[in-house]
Amino acid sequence: MPNRIADVEIPDTKLVVEATDLVRESATPLIYHHSRRVYLFGALRGREQGLSYDPELLYVGAMFHDLGLTLKYRRIDQRFEIDGADEARKFLLRHGISDEAATKVWTAIALHTTPEIPLHMAPEIALVTRGVELDVLGIGYHSITDEQRAAVTAAHPRPHFKRDILEAFTDGIEDRPETTFGNVKADVLEHFVPGFRRGDFVEVIQGSDWPE
């Protein structure tokens, strides 16, 4: 795999190599290629916006952001975003990265499905979300060039991506539906899991133990 794609450098460091190997070994090709695109698209959006960021931290944030959808790292007692965030923090601390930097990556992953808020935070946090939004939702599609998109997807193809990523989301969260309360993944279960009923914020307030 080239170390430069769409004129974005992928750091040739031990940390990056081991992060890549971990994701390759634990995730499906769909998630692996998506995660690499998230790094590349995030970096391109960062360049467009003139942001300065740590490429290793952005890389780990991008690569680990969907680990909670994998059989090896998924749990059923918390949001899938937190699964990946927890693994990223442990991975970075094992590699001697500071707690402050590891927490930044934890935050990037934990918030990557929370609209708007991460975009007002540190560049590494904002750009994981930018990369996810571009690859999954098409937000910012025209902020990069046709040539850049072509280079990224040539290196990391996305055949049937819309269908397959929705299937991966469903498989990764259908056994913990309560964790989708108040977040976008409830939409996925509502579309693809028969009988699912999303939590209702108003009902929670009205049904609380408070008498008034």
N, C-alpha and C. Protein backbone atom coordinates (compact mmCIF):
# COMPACT_ATOMS: atom_id res chain seq x y z
N MET A 1 0.85 -1.19 0.00
CA MET A 1 0.00 0.00 0.00
C MET A 1 0.89 1.25 0.00
N PRO A 2 0.70 2.18 -0.91
CA PRO A 2 1.55 3.37 -0.94
C PRO A 2 1.39 4.20 0.33
N ASN A 3 2.48 4.90 0.71
CA ASN A 3 2.43 5.74 1.90
C ASN A 3 1.89 7.13 1.60
N ARG A 4 1.55 7.39 0.36
CA ARG A 4 0.95 8.67 -0.01
C ARG A 4 -0.21 8.40 -0.97
N ILE A 5 -1.39 8.84 -0.61
CA ILE A 5 -2.59 8.65 -1.42
C ILE A 5 -3.28 10.00 -1.53
N ALA A 6 -3.61 10.39 -2.74
CA ALA A 6 -4.23 11.71 -2.98
C ALA A 6 -3.38 12.81 -2.37
N ASP A 7 -2.06 12.61 -2.40
CA ASP A 7 -1.09 13.55 -1.84
C ASP A 7 -1.24 13.72 -0.33
N VAL A 8 -1.83 12.74 0.32
CA VAL A 8 -1.89 12.70 1.78
C VAL A 8 -0.91 11.63 2.25
N GLU A 9 0.00 12.02 3.12
CA GLU A 9 0.99 11.07 3.63
C GLU A 9 0.39 10.25 4.76
N ILE A 10 0.61 8.93 4.69
CA ILE A 10 0.26 8.04 5.79
C ILE A 10 1.55 7.80 6.56
N PRO A 11 1.63 8.22 7.81
CA PRO A 11 2.89 8.13 8.55
C PRO A 11 3.45 6.72 8.57
N ASP A 12 4.73 6.60 8.31
CA ASP A 12 5.42 5.31 8.29
C ASP A 12 6.09 5.10 9.65
N THR A 13 5.27 4.90 10.67
CA THR A 13 5.77 4.73 12.03
C THR A 13 5.30 3.40 12.59
N LYS A 14 5.97 2.95 13.64
CA LYS A 14 5.60 1.69 14.29
C LYS A 14 4.16 1.75 14.79
N LEU A 15 3.77 2.88 15.36
CA LEU A 15 2.42 3.02 15.88
C LEU A 15 1.39 2.86 14.76
N VAL A 16 1.62 3.51 13.64
CA VAL A 16 0.68 3.44 12.52
C VAL A 16 0.64 2.04 11.92
N VAL A 17 1.79 1.40 11.79
CA VAL A 17 1.84 0.04 11.25
C VAL A 17 1.05 -0.91 12.15
N GLU A 18 1.24 -0.79 13.45
CA GLU A 18 0.55 -1.69 14.37
C GLU A 18 -0.95 -1.40 14.43
N ALA A 19 -1.32 -0.13 14.32
CA ALA A 19 -2.74 0.21 14.28
C ALA A 19 -3.38 -0.39 13.03
N THR A 20 -2.69 -0.29 11.91
CA THR A 20 -3.20 -0.85 10.65
C THR A 20 -3.36 -2.35 10.76
N ASP A 21 -2.35 -3.02 11.31
CA ASP A 21 -2.41 -4.48 11.45
C ASP A 21 -3.57 -4.90 12.36
N LEU A 22 -3.77 -4.17 13.45
CA LEU A 22 -4.85 -4.51 14.38
C LEU A 22 -6.20 -4.45 13.68
N VAL A 23 -6.41 -3.39 12.91
CA VAL A 23 -7.70 -3.25 12.23
C VAL A 23 -7.85 -4.28 11.12
N ARG A 24 -6.79 -4.52 10.38
CA ARG A 24 -6.84 -5.54 9.33
C ARG A 24 -7.23 -6.90 9.89
N GLU A 25 -6.68 -7.22 11.06
CA GLU A 25 -6.89 -8.55 11.65
C GLU A 25 -8.27 -8.69 12.29
N SER A 26 -8.86 -7.60 12.75
CA SER A 26 -10.09 -7.71 13.53
C SER A 26 -11.34 -7.27 12.76
N ALA A 27 -11.16 -6.46 11.73
CA ALA A 27 -12.31 -5.89 11.02
C ALA A 27 -12.48 -6.53 9.66
N THR A 28 -13.67 -6.38 9.12
CA THR A 28 -13.92 -6.83 7.75
C THR A 28 -13.23 -5.89 6.77
N PRO A 29 -13.02 -6.35 5.52
CA PRO A 29 -12.47 -5.43 4.52
C PRO A 29 -13.31 -4.16 4.37
N LEU A 30 -14.62 -4.28 4.50
CA LEU A 30 -15.49 -3.11 4.43
C LEU A 30 -15.07 -2.06 5.45
N ILE A 31 -14.91 -2.45 6.71
CA ILE A 31 -14.56 -1.52 7.78
C ILE A 31 -13.13 -1.04 7.62
N TYR A 32 -12.23 -1.92 7.22
CA TYR A 32 -10.83 -1.50 7.02
C TYR A 32 -10.74 -0.41 5.96
N HIS A 33 -11.31 -0.63 4.81
CA HIS A 33 -11.20 0.36 3.73
C HIS A 33 -11.94 1.65 4.09
N HIS A 34 -13.09 1.51 4.72
CA HIS A 34 -13.81 2.70 5.19
C HIS A 34 -12.96 3.51 6.15
N SER A 35 -12.30 2.84 7.08
CA SER A 35 -11.50 3.55 8.09
C SER A 35 -10.30 4.26 7.46
N ARG A 36 -9.69 3.62 6.49
CA ARG A 36 -8.58 4.29 5.79
C ARG A 36 -9.09 5.52 5.03
N ARG A 37 -10.26 5.38 4.40
CA ARG A 37 -10.81 6.54 3.70
C ARG A 37 -11.13 7.66 4.67
N VAL A 38 -11.61 7.32 5.86
CA VAL A 38 -11.91 8.35 6.85
C VAL A 38 -10.65 9.15 7.17
N TYR A 39 -9.51 8.47 7.32
CA TYR A 39 -8.26 9.20 7.56
C TYR A 39 -7.93 10.11 6.38
N LEU A 40 -8.00 9.57 5.20
CA LEU A 40 -7.61 10.34 4.02
C LEU A 40 -8.56 11.51 3.78
N PHE A 41 -9.84 11.26 3.87
CA PHE A 41 -10.81 12.35 3.68
C PHE A 41 -10.69 13.38 4.80
N GLY A 42 -10.48 12.92 6.03
CA GLY A 42 -10.29 13.85 7.13
C GLY A 42 -9.07 14.73 6.92
N ALA A 43 -7.98 14.12 6.46
CA ALA A 43 -6.76 14.89 6.19
C ALA A 43 -6.98 15.90 5.07
N LEU A 44 -7.71 15.49 4.04
CA LEU A 44 -7.98 16.41 2.93
C LEU A 44 -8.87 17.57 3.39
N ARG A 45 -9.85 17.29 4.22
CA ARG A 45 -10.68 18.37 4.75
C ARG A 45 -9.86 19.28 5.65
N GLY A 46 -8.93 18.70 6.39
CA GLY A 46 -8.07 19.52 7.23
C GLY A 46 -7.18 20.43 6.42
N ARG A 47 -6.66 19.92 5.33
CA ARG A 47 -5.83 20.76 4.45
C ARG A 47 -6.66 21.89 3.86
N GLU A 48 -7.86 21.57 3.44
CA GLU A 48 -8.75 22.58 2.85
C GLU A 48 -9.06 23.68 3.85
N GLN A 49 -9.15 23.32 5.13
CA GLN A 49 -9.49 24.28 6.16
C GLN A 49 -8.27 24.91 6.84
N GLY A 50 -7.08 24.50 6.41
CA GLY A 50 -5.85 25.06 6.97
C GLY A 50 -5.60 24.64 8.40
N LEU A 51 -6.03 23.44 8.78
CA LEU A 51 -5.86 22.96 10.15
C LEU A 51 -4.53 22.24 10.33
N SER A 52 -3.96 22.39 11.49
CA SER A 52 -2.75 21.67 11.86
C SER A 52 -3.13 20.57 12.84
N TYR A 53 -2.69 19.35 12.59
CA TYR A 53 -3.08 18.22 13.42
C TYR A 53 -1.94 17.21 13.50
N ASP A 54 -2.02 16.32 14.48
CA ASP A 54 -1.06 15.23 14.62
C ASP A 54 -1.53 14.07 13.74
N PRO A 55 -0.80 13.73 12.69
CA PRO A 55 -1.29 12.70 11.77
C PRO A 55 -1.42 11.32 12.40
N GLU A 56 -0.56 10.99 13.36
CA GLU A 56 -0.68 9.69 14.03
C GLU A 56 -1.97 9.61 14.84
N LEU A 57 -2.29 10.68 15.54
CA LEU A 57 -3.51 10.67 16.34
C LEU A 57 -4.75 10.62 15.43
N LEU A 58 -4.73 11.39 14.37
CA LEU A 58 -5.85 11.34 13.43
C LEU A 58 -5.98 9.95 12.83
N TYR A 59 -4.86 9.33 12.51
CA TYR A 59 -4.88 8.00 11.90
C TYR A 59 -5.51 6.98 12.84
N VAL A 60 -5.08 6.98 14.10
CA VAL A 60 -5.63 6.01 15.05
C VAL A 60 -7.11 6.29 15.28
N GLY A 61 -7.49 7.56 15.38
CA GLY A 61 -8.90 7.88 15.54
C GLY A 61 -9.73 7.35 14.38
N ALA A 62 -9.24 7.54 13.17
CA ALA A 62 -9.95 7.06 11.98
C ALA A 62 -9.99 5.54 11.93
N MET A 63 -8.87 4.90 12.20
CA MET A 63 -8.80 3.45 12.06
C MET A 63 -9.60 2.71 13.12
N PHE A 64 -9.67 3.27 14.32
CA PHE A 64 -10.34 2.58 15.42
C PHE A 64 -11.81 2.99 15.57
N HIS A 65 -12.29 3.93 14.77
CA HIS A 65 -13.59 4.52 15.07
C HIS A 65 -14.75 3.53 14.95
N ASP A 66 -14.60 2.48 14.16
CA ASP A 66 -15.66 1.49 14.02
C ASP A 66 -15.30 0.12 14.59
N LEU A 67 -14.29 0.06 15.45
CA LEU A 67 -13.93 -1.23 16.05
C LEU A 67 -15.09 -1.82 16.85
N GLY A 68 -15.97 -0.96 17.35
CA GLY A 68 -17.11 -1.45 18.11
C GLY A 68 -18.11 -2.22 17.28
N LEU A 69 -17.93 -2.23 15.97
CA LEU A 69 -18.79 -3.04 15.09
C LEU A 69 -18.20 -4.42 14.83
N THR A 70 -16.98 -4.67 15.30
CA THR A 70 -16.31 -5.94 15.03
C THR A 70 -16.65 -6.96 16.11
N LEU A 71 -16.60 -8.24 15.75
CA LEU A 71 -16.88 -9.30 16.72
C LEU A 71 -15.89 -9.27 17.87
N LYS A 72 -14.65 -8.96 17.60
CA LYS A 72 -13.61 -9.02 18.63
C LYS A 72 -13.79 -7.93 19.68
N TYR A 73 -14.18 -6.74 19.28
CA TYR A 73 -14.17 -5.60 20.19
C TYR A 73 -15.55 -5.10 20.60
N ARG A 74 -16.60 -5.65 20.04
CA ARG A 74 -17.92 -5.14 20.39
C ARG A 74 -18.34 -5.62 21.77
N ARG A 75 -19.06 -4.77 22.46
CA ARG A 75 -19.71 -5.09 23.71
C ARG A 75 -21.21 -4.88 23.53
N ILE A 76 -21.99 -5.26 24.54
CA ILE A 76 -23.43 -5.07 24.42
C ILE A 76 -23.97 -4.14 25.50
N ASP A 77 -23.08 -3.58 26.32
CA ASP A 77 -23.54 -2.77 27.44
C ASP A 77 -23.25 -1.28 27.26
N GLN A 78 -22.76 -0.88 26.08
CA GLN A 78 -22.48 0.54 25.85
C GLN A 78 -22.53 0.82 24.34
N ARG A 79 -22.53 2.10 24.00
CA ARG A 79 -22.55 2.48 22.59
C ARG A 79 -21.32 1.96 21.87
N PHE A 80 -21.50 1.59 20.61
CA PHE A 80 -20.38 1.02 19.85
C PHE A 80 -19.24 2.02 19.71
N GLU A 81 -19.56 3.31 19.68
CA GLU A 81 -18.51 4.32 19.58
C GLU A 81 -17.54 4.22 20.76
N ILE A 82 -18.07 3.94 21.95
CA ILE A 82 -17.24 3.87 23.14
C ILE A 82 -16.35 2.62 23.11
N ASP A 83 -16.84 1.54 22.50
CA ASP A 83 -15.99 0.35 22.33
C ASP A 83 -14.69 0.71 21.62
N GLY A 84 -14.83 1.38 20.49
CA GLY A 84 -13.64 1.75 19.72
C GLY A 84 -12.80 2.78 20.44
N ALA A 85 -13.45 3.73 21.10
CA ALA A 85 -12.72 4.77 21.83
C ALA A 85 -11.88 4.16 22.95
N ASP A 86 -12.46 3.21 23.68
CA ASP A 86 -11.72 2.57 24.77
C ASP A 86 -10.50 1.83 24.25
N GLU A 87 -10.67 1.10 23.14
CA GLU A 87 -9.54 0.35 22.58
C GLU A 87 -8.45 1.29 22.07
N ALA A 88 -8.85 2.40 21.48
CA ALA A 88 -7.86 3.36 20.99
C ALA A 88 -7.05 3.94 22.14
N ARG A 89 -7.71 4.30 23.23
CA ARG A 89 -6.98 4.86 24.37
C ARG A 89 -5.98 3.83 24.92
N LYS A 90 -6.42 2.59 25.08
CA LYS A 90 -5.51 1.56 25.59
C LYS A 90 -4.33 1.35 24.65
N PHE A 91 -4.62 1.31 23.36
CA PHE A 91 -3.57 1.12 22.36
C PHE A 91 -2.54 2.25 22.43
N LEU A 92 -3.00 3.48 22.50
CA LEU A 92 -2.09 4.62 22.52
C LEU A 92 -1.28 4.67 23.80
N LEU A 93 -1.89 4.38 24.93
CA LEU A 93 -1.15 4.39 26.19
C LEU A 93 -0.08 3.30 26.19
N ARG A 94 -0.38 2.15 25.61
CA ARG A 94 0.63 1.08 25.50
C ARG A 94 1.82 1.54 24.68
N HIS A 95 1.60 2.44 23.75
CA HIS A 95 2.68 2.93 22.88
C HIS A 95 3.33 4.20 23.42
N GLY A 96 3.07 4.53 24.66
CA GLY A 96 3.75 5.65 25.28
C GLY A 96 3.19 7.01 24.95
N ILE A 97 2.01 7.05 24.34
CA ILE A 97 1.37 8.32 24.04
C ILE A 97 0.79 8.89 25.34
N SER A 98 0.84 10.19 25.50
CA SER A 98 0.37 10.82 26.73
C SER A 98 -1.11 10.59 26.95
N ASP A 99 -1.52 10.64 28.21
CA ASP A 99 -2.94 10.48 28.53
C ASP A 99 -3.77 11.57 27.87
N GLU A 100 -3.22 12.79 27.81
CA GLU A 100 -3.96 13.90 27.19
C GLU A 100 -4.23 13.62 25.72
N ALA A 101 -3.19 13.14 25.01
CA ALA A 101 -3.37 12.85 23.58
C ALA A 101 -4.29 11.65 23.37
N ALA A 102 -4.15 10.63 24.22
CA ALA A 102 -5.00 9.45 24.10
C ALA A 102 -6.46 9.81 24.36
N THR A 103 -6.69 10.72 25.30
CA THR A 103 -8.05 11.16 25.59
C THR A 103 -8.62 11.95 24.42
N LYS A 104 -7.78 12.68 23.73
CA LYS A 104 -8.23 13.42 22.55
C LYS A 104 -8.76 12.44 21.49
N VAL A 105 -8.04 11.34 21.28
CA VAL A 105 -8.48 10.34 20.31
C VAL A 105 -9.73 9.64 20.81
N TRP A 106 -9.78 9.34 22.12
CA TRP A 106 -11.00 8.75 22.70
C TRP A 106 -12.20 9.63 22.38
N THR A 107 -12.05 10.92 22.56
CA THR A 107 -13.15 11.86 22.33
C THR A 107 -13.52 11.90 20.85
N ALA A 108 -12.53 11.87 19.98
CA ALA A 108 -12.80 11.88 18.53
C ALA A 108 -13.68 10.71 18.14
N ILE A 109 -13.39 9.54 18.68
CA ILE A 109 -14.14 8.34 18.31
C ILE A 109 -15.51 8.35 18.99
N ALA A 110 -15.54 8.69 20.26
CA ALA A 110 -16.80 8.66 21.01
C ALA A 110 -17.83 9.61 20.43
N LEU A 111 -17.37 10.72 19.83
CA LEU A 111 -18.29 11.74 19.33
C LEU A 111 -18.50 11.70 17.82
N HIS A 112 -17.96 10.69 17.14
CA HIS A 112 -17.96 10.79 15.68
C HIS A 112 -19.34 10.65 15.05
N THR A 113 -20.34 10.20 15.82
CA THR A 113 -21.70 10.15 15.30
C THR A 113 -22.58 11.24 15.92
N THR A 114 -21.98 12.17 16.62
CA THR A 114 -22.71 13.26 17.26
C THR A 114 -22.58 14.51 16.40
N PRO A 115 -23.63 14.92 15.71
CA PRO A 115 -23.50 16.03 14.77
C PRO A 115 -23.04 17.33 15.41
N GLU A 116 -22.19 18.04 14.71
CA GLU A 116 -21.79 19.42 14.96
C GLU A 116 -20.79 19.61 16.12
N ILE A 117 -21.05 19.01 17.28
CA ILE A 117 -20.21 19.29 18.45
C ILE A 117 -18.74 19.02 18.19
N PRO A 118 -18.33 17.85 17.65
CA PRO A 118 -16.90 17.62 17.46
C PRO A 118 -16.23 18.60 16.50
N LEU A 119 -17.00 19.23 15.63
CA LEU A 119 -16.42 20.16 14.67
C LEU A 119 -15.91 21.43 15.34
N HIS A 120 -16.28 21.65 16.60
CA HIS A 120 -15.82 22.82 17.34
C HIS A 120 -14.72 22.47 18.33
N MET A 121 -14.16 21.28 18.18
CA MET A 121 -13.14 20.81 19.12
C MET A 121 -11.79 20.73 18.40
N ALA A 122 -10.82 20.09 19.04
CA ALA A 122 -9.46 20.00 18.49
C ALA A 122 -9.48 19.42 17.08
N PRO A 123 -8.51 19.79 16.24
CA PRO A 123 -8.53 19.31 14.85
C PRO A 123 -8.61 17.80 14.71
N GLU A 124 -7.90 17.05 15.54
CA GLU A 124 -7.94 15.60 15.44
C GLU A 124 -9.35 15.06 15.69
N ILE A 125 -10.07 15.73 16.59
CA ILE A 125 -11.45 15.34 16.88
C ILE A 125 -12.36 15.73 15.72
N ALA A 126 -12.25 16.96 15.28
CA ALA A 126 -13.10 17.45 14.20
C ALA A 126 -12.88 16.66 12.92
N LEU A 127 -11.64 16.30 12.62
CA LEU A 127 -11.36 15.69 11.32
C LEU A 127 -11.75 14.22 11.24
N VAL A 128 -11.79 13.53 12.37
CA VAL A 128 -12.38 12.18 12.32
C VAL A 128 -13.84 12.29 11.90
N THR A 129 -14.56 13.22 12.50
CA THR A 129 -15.97 13.42 12.11
C THR A 129 -16.07 13.88 10.67
N ARG A 130 -15.22 14.81 10.23
CA ARG A 130 -15.25 15.25 8.83
C ARG A 130 -15.06 14.07 7.88
N GLY A 131 -14.12 13.19 8.20
CA GLY A 131 -13.87 12.04 7.34
C GLY A 131 -15.03 11.08 7.30
N VAL A 132 -15.63 10.83 8.47
CA VAL A 132 -16.79 9.95 8.53
C VAL A 132 -17.95 10.56 7.76
N GLU A 133 -18.20 11.84 7.98
CA GLU A 133 -19.33 12.49 7.30
C GLU A 133 -19.17 12.46 5.79
N LEU A 134 -17.95 12.64 5.30
CA LEU A 134 -17.75 12.63 3.86
C LEU A 134 -17.97 11.24 3.30
N ASP A 135 -17.40 10.22 3.95
CA ASP A 135 -17.47 8.88 3.39
C ASP A 135 -18.85 8.26 3.53
N VAL A 136 -19.52 8.50 4.65
CA VAL A 136 -20.81 7.84 4.90
C VAL A 136 -21.98 8.68 4.40
N LEU A 137 -21.95 9.97 4.66
CA LEU A 137 -23.10 10.83 4.38
C LEU A 137 -22.92 11.71 3.15
N GLY A 138 -21.70 11.80 2.64
CA GLY A 138 -21.46 12.68 1.50
C GLY A 138 -21.36 14.15 1.87
N ILE A 139 -21.28 14.46 3.17
CA ILE A 139 -21.14 15.85 3.60
C ILE A 139 -19.71 16.31 3.28
N GLY A 140 -19.59 17.40 2.54
CA GLY A 140 -18.28 17.87 2.11
C GLY A 140 -17.79 17.22 0.83
N TYR A 141 -18.67 16.51 0.15
CA TYR A 141 -18.28 15.79 -1.08
C TYR A 141 -17.59 16.71 -2.08
N HIS A 142 -18.10 17.92 -2.24
CA HIS A 142 -17.54 18.84 -3.23
C HIS A 142 -16.47 19.75 -2.65
N SER A 143 -16.10 19.50 -1.41
CA SER A 143 -15.01 20.27 -0.82
C SER A 143 -13.65 19.73 -1.21
N ILE A 144 -13.62 18.53 -1.76
CA ILE A 144 -12.39 17.99 -2.32
C ILE A 144 -12.61 17.76 -3.80
N THR A 145 -11.54 17.57 -4.54
CA THR A 145 -11.65 17.50 -5.99
C THR A 145 -12.05 16.10 -6.46
N ASP A 146 -12.52 16.04 -7.68
CA ASP A 146 -12.83 14.74 -8.28
C ASP A 146 -11.59 13.86 -8.30
N GLU A 147 -10.44 14.45 -8.58
CA GLU A 147 -9.19 13.69 -8.66
C GLU A 147 -8.82 13.12 -7.28
N GLN A 148 -9.03 13.90 -6.24
CA GLN A 148 -8.72 13.41 -4.89
C GLN A 148 -9.64 12.25 -4.51
N ARG A 149 -10.93 12.39 -4.78
CA ARG A 149 -11.87 11.30 -4.48
C ARG A 149 -11.50 10.05 -5.27
N ALA A 150 -11.13 10.23 -6.52
CA ALA A 150 -10.78 9.08 -7.36
C ALA A 150 -9.54 8.37 -6.84
N ALA A 151 -8.56 9.14 -6.38
CA ALA A 151 -7.33 8.54 -5.86
C ALA A 151 -7.60 7.75 -4.58
N VAL A 152 -8.43 8.32 -3.71
CA VAL A 152 -8.75 7.64 -2.45
C VAL A 152 -9.52 6.36 -2.72
N THR A 153 -10.52 6.41 -3.57
CA THR A 153 -11.34 5.23 -3.81
C THR A 153 -10.64 4.20 -4.70
N ALA A 154 -9.63 4.61 -5.45
CA ALA A 154 -8.83 3.63 -6.18
C ALA A 154 -8.00 2.80 -5.21
N ALA A 155 -7.47 3.46 -4.18
CA ALA A 155 -6.67 2.74 -3.18
C ALA A 155 -7.56 1.95 -2.23
N HIS A 156 -8.73 2.50 -1.94
CA HIS A 156 -9.65 1.87 -0.98
C HIS A 156 -11.06 1.90 -1.55
N PRO A 157 -11.38 0.92 -2.38
CA PRO A 157 -12.66 0.92 -3.10
C PRO A 157 -13.85 0.83 -2.16
N ARG A 158 -15.00 1.29 -2.66
CA ARG A 158 -16.23 1.25 -1.87
C ARG A 158 -17.40 0.69 -2.68
N PRO A 159 -17.26 -0.55 -3.23
CA PRO A 159 -18.38 -1.14 -3.96
C PRO A 159 -19.54 -1.45 -3.02
N HIS A 160 -20.74 -1.11 -3.43
CA HIS A 160 -21.96 -1.38 -2.65
C HIS A 160 -21.85 -0.83 -1.23
N PHE A 161 -21.13 0.27 -1.07
CA PHE A 161 -20.83 0.73 0.28
C PHE A 161 -22.08 1.13 1.05
N LYS A 162 -22.99 1.84 0.42
CA LYS A 162 -24.19 2.28 1.14
C LYS A 162 -24.94 1.10 1.73
N ARG A 163 -25.16 0.08 0.93
CA ARG A 163 -25.87 -1.11 1.40
C ARG A 163 -25.08 -1.82 2.49
N ASP A 164 -23.78 -2.02 2.24
CA ASP A 164 -22.98 -2.84 3.14
C ASP A 164 -22.70 -2.16 4.48
N ILE A 165 -22.50 -0.84 4.49
CA ILE A 165 -22.23 -0.18 5.76
C ILE A 165 -23.49 -0.16 6.62
N LEU A 166 -24.67 -0.01 6.00
CA LEU A 166 -25.91 -0.08 6.77
C LEU A 166 -26.09 -1.47 7.37
N GLU A 167 -25.72 -2.50 6.64
CA GLU A 167 -25.78 -3.85 7.17
C GLU A 167 -24.81 -4.03 8.33
N ALA A 168 -23.61 -3.47 8.20
CA ALA A 168 -22.63 -3.56 9.28
C ALA A 168 -23.09 -2.81 10.52
N PHE A 169 -23.69 -1.63 10.33
CA PHE A 169 -24.24 -0.90 11.47
C PHE A 169 -25.32 -1.75 12.18
N THR A 170 -26.21 -2.31 11.39
CA THR A 170 -27.30 -3.10 11.98
C THR A 170 -26.75 -4.29 12.76
N ASP A 171 -25.84 -5.04 12.14
CA ASP A 171 -25.27 -6.21 12.80
C ASP A 171 -24.54 -5.83 14.09
N GLY A 172 -23.92 -4.65 14.08
CA GLY A 172 -23.10 -4.26 15.22
C GLY A 172 -23.86 -3.70 16.40
N ILE A 173 -25.12 -3.31 16.18
CA ILE A 173 -25.85 -2.66 17.28
C ILE A 173 -27.20 -3.28 17.60
N GLU A 174 -27.65 -4.24 16.80
CA GLU A 174 -29.01 -4.75 17.02
C GLU A 174 -29.14 -5.51 18.34
N ASP A 175 -28.03 -5.99 18.93
CA ASP A 175 -28.11 -6.67 20.21
C ASP A 175 -27.97 -5.73 21.40
N ARG A 176 -27.92 -4.42 21.15
CA ARG A 176 -27.88 -3.42 22.22
C ARG A 176 -28.70 -2.20 21.81
N PRO A 177 -29.96 -2.42 21.46
CA PRO A 177 -30.77 -1.33 20.90
C PRO A 177 -30.94 -0.15 21.84
N GLU A 178 -30.89 -0.40 23.15
CA GLU A 178 -31.07 0.71 24.09
C GLU A 178 -29.95 1.73 24.00
N THR A 179 -28.80 1.33 23.48
CA THR A 179 -27.68 2.27 23.37
C THR A 179 -27.86 3.27 22.25
N THR A 180 -28.88 3.09 21.42
CA THR A 180 -29.12 4.04 20.33
C THR A 180 -30.03 5.18 20.74
N PHE A 181 -30.46 5.20 22.00
CA PHE A 181 -31.36 6.27 22.45
C PHE A 181 -30.70 7.63 22.25
N GLY A 182 -31.38 8.50 21.52
CA GLY A 182 -30.88 9.85 21.33
C GLY A 182 -29.76 10.00 20.32
N ASN A 183 -29.45 8.95 19.55
CA ASN A 183 -28.39 9.11 18.55
C ASN A 183 -28.82 8.55 17.20
N VAL A 184 -28.03 8.84 16.19
CA VAL A 184 -28.43 8.56 14.81
C VAL A 184 -28.59 7.08 14.51
N LYS A 185 -27.98 6.21 15.28
CA LYS A 185 -28.07 4.79 14.98
C LYS A 185 -29.47 4.23 15.23
N ALA A 186 -30.30 4.96 15.98
CA ALA A 186 -31.69 4.53 16.11
C ALA A 186 -32.38 4.49 14.75
N ASP A 187 -31.98 5.38 13.84
CA ASP A 187 -32.55 5.38 12.49
C ASP A 187 -32.26 4.06 11.78
N VAL A 188 -31.05 3.54 11.98
CA VAL A 188 -30.66 2.28 11.34
C VAL A 188 -31.56 1.15 11.82
N LEU A 189 -31.72 1.02 13.13
CA LEU A 189 -32.54 -0.07 13.67
C LEU A 189 -34.00 0.09 13.26
N GLU A 190 -34.49 1.32 13.19
CA GLU A 190 -35.87 1.54 12.78
C GLU A 190 -36.11 1.07 11.35
N HIS A 191 -35.11 1.21 10.51
CA HIS A 191 -35.24 0.78 9.11
C HIS A 191 -35.10 -0.73 8.95
N PHE A 192 -34.22 -1.36 9.73
CA PHE A 192 -33.80 -2.72 9.40
C PHE A 192 -34.10 -3.79 10.44
N VAL A 193 -34.59 -3.42 11.62
CA VAL A 193 -34.89 -4.41 12.66
C VAL A 193 -36.39 -4.39 12.94
N PRO A 194 -37.11 -5.42 12.51
CA PRO A 194 -38.56 -5.46 12.73
C PRO A 194 -38.89 -5.38 14.22
N GLY A 195 -39.87 -4.57 14.56
CA GLY A 195 -40.31 -4.47 15.93
C GLY A 195 -39.55 -3.47 16.77
N PHE A 196 -38.45 -2.93 16.24
CA PHE A 196 -37.70 -1.95 17.04
C PHE A 196 -38.53 -0.68 17.23
N ARG A 197 -38.51 -0.17 18.45
CA ARG A 197 -39.16 1.10 18.73
C ARG A 197 -38.15 2.01 19.41
N ARG A 198 -37.88 3.14 18.80
CA ARG A 198 -36.87 4.04 19.35
C ARG A 198 -37.34 4.62 20.67
N GLY A 199 -36.38 4.91 21.55
CA GLY A 199 -36.69 5.57 22.81
C GLY A 199 -37.22 6.97 22.56
N ASP A 200 -38.07 7.41 23.44
CA ASP A 200 -38.72 8.71 23.29
C ASP A 200 -38.34 9.59 24.49
N PHE A 201 -37.64 10.68 24.24
CA PHE A 201 -37.16 11.57 25.28
C PHE A 201 -38.31 12.14 26.11
N VAL A 202 -39.39 12.50 25.42
CA VAL A 202 -40.55 13.07 26.12
C VAL A 202 -41.14 12.03 27.06
N GLU A 203 -41.26 10.78 26.60
CA GLU A 203 -41.81 9.73 27.45
C GLU A 203 -40.92 9.47 28.66
N VAL A 204 -39.61 9.57 28.48
CA VAL A 204 -38.71 9.38 29.62
C VAL A 204 -38.96 10.45 30.68
N ILE A 205 -39.10 11.70 30.24
CA ILE A 205 -39.38 12.78 31.19
C ILE A 205 -40.71 12.56 31.89
N GLN A 206 -41.73 12.28 31.09
CA GLN A 206 -43.08 12.14 31.67
C GLN A 206 -43.20 10.91 32.56
N GLY A 207 -42.39 9.89 32.29
CA GLY A 207 -42.49 8.65 33.05
C GLY A 207 -41.48 8.54 34.18
N SER A 208 -40.73 9.60 34.46
CA SER A 208 -39.74 9.54 35.53
C SER A 208 -40.42 9.45 36.90
N ASP A 209 -39.65 9.15 37.93
CA ASP A 209 -40.20 8.98 39.27
C ASP A 209 -40.60 10.30 39.93
N TRP A 210 -40.22 11.43 39.32
CA TRP A 210 -40.61 12.71 39.89
C TRP A 210 -42.13 12.88 39.81
N PRO A 211 -42.77 13.30 40.91
CA PRO A 211 -44.23 13.48 40.86
C PRO A 211 -44.66 14.62 39.96
N GLU A 212 -43.82 15.63 39.84
CA GLU A 212 -44.12 16.78 38.97
C GLU A 212 -42.88 17.20 38.21
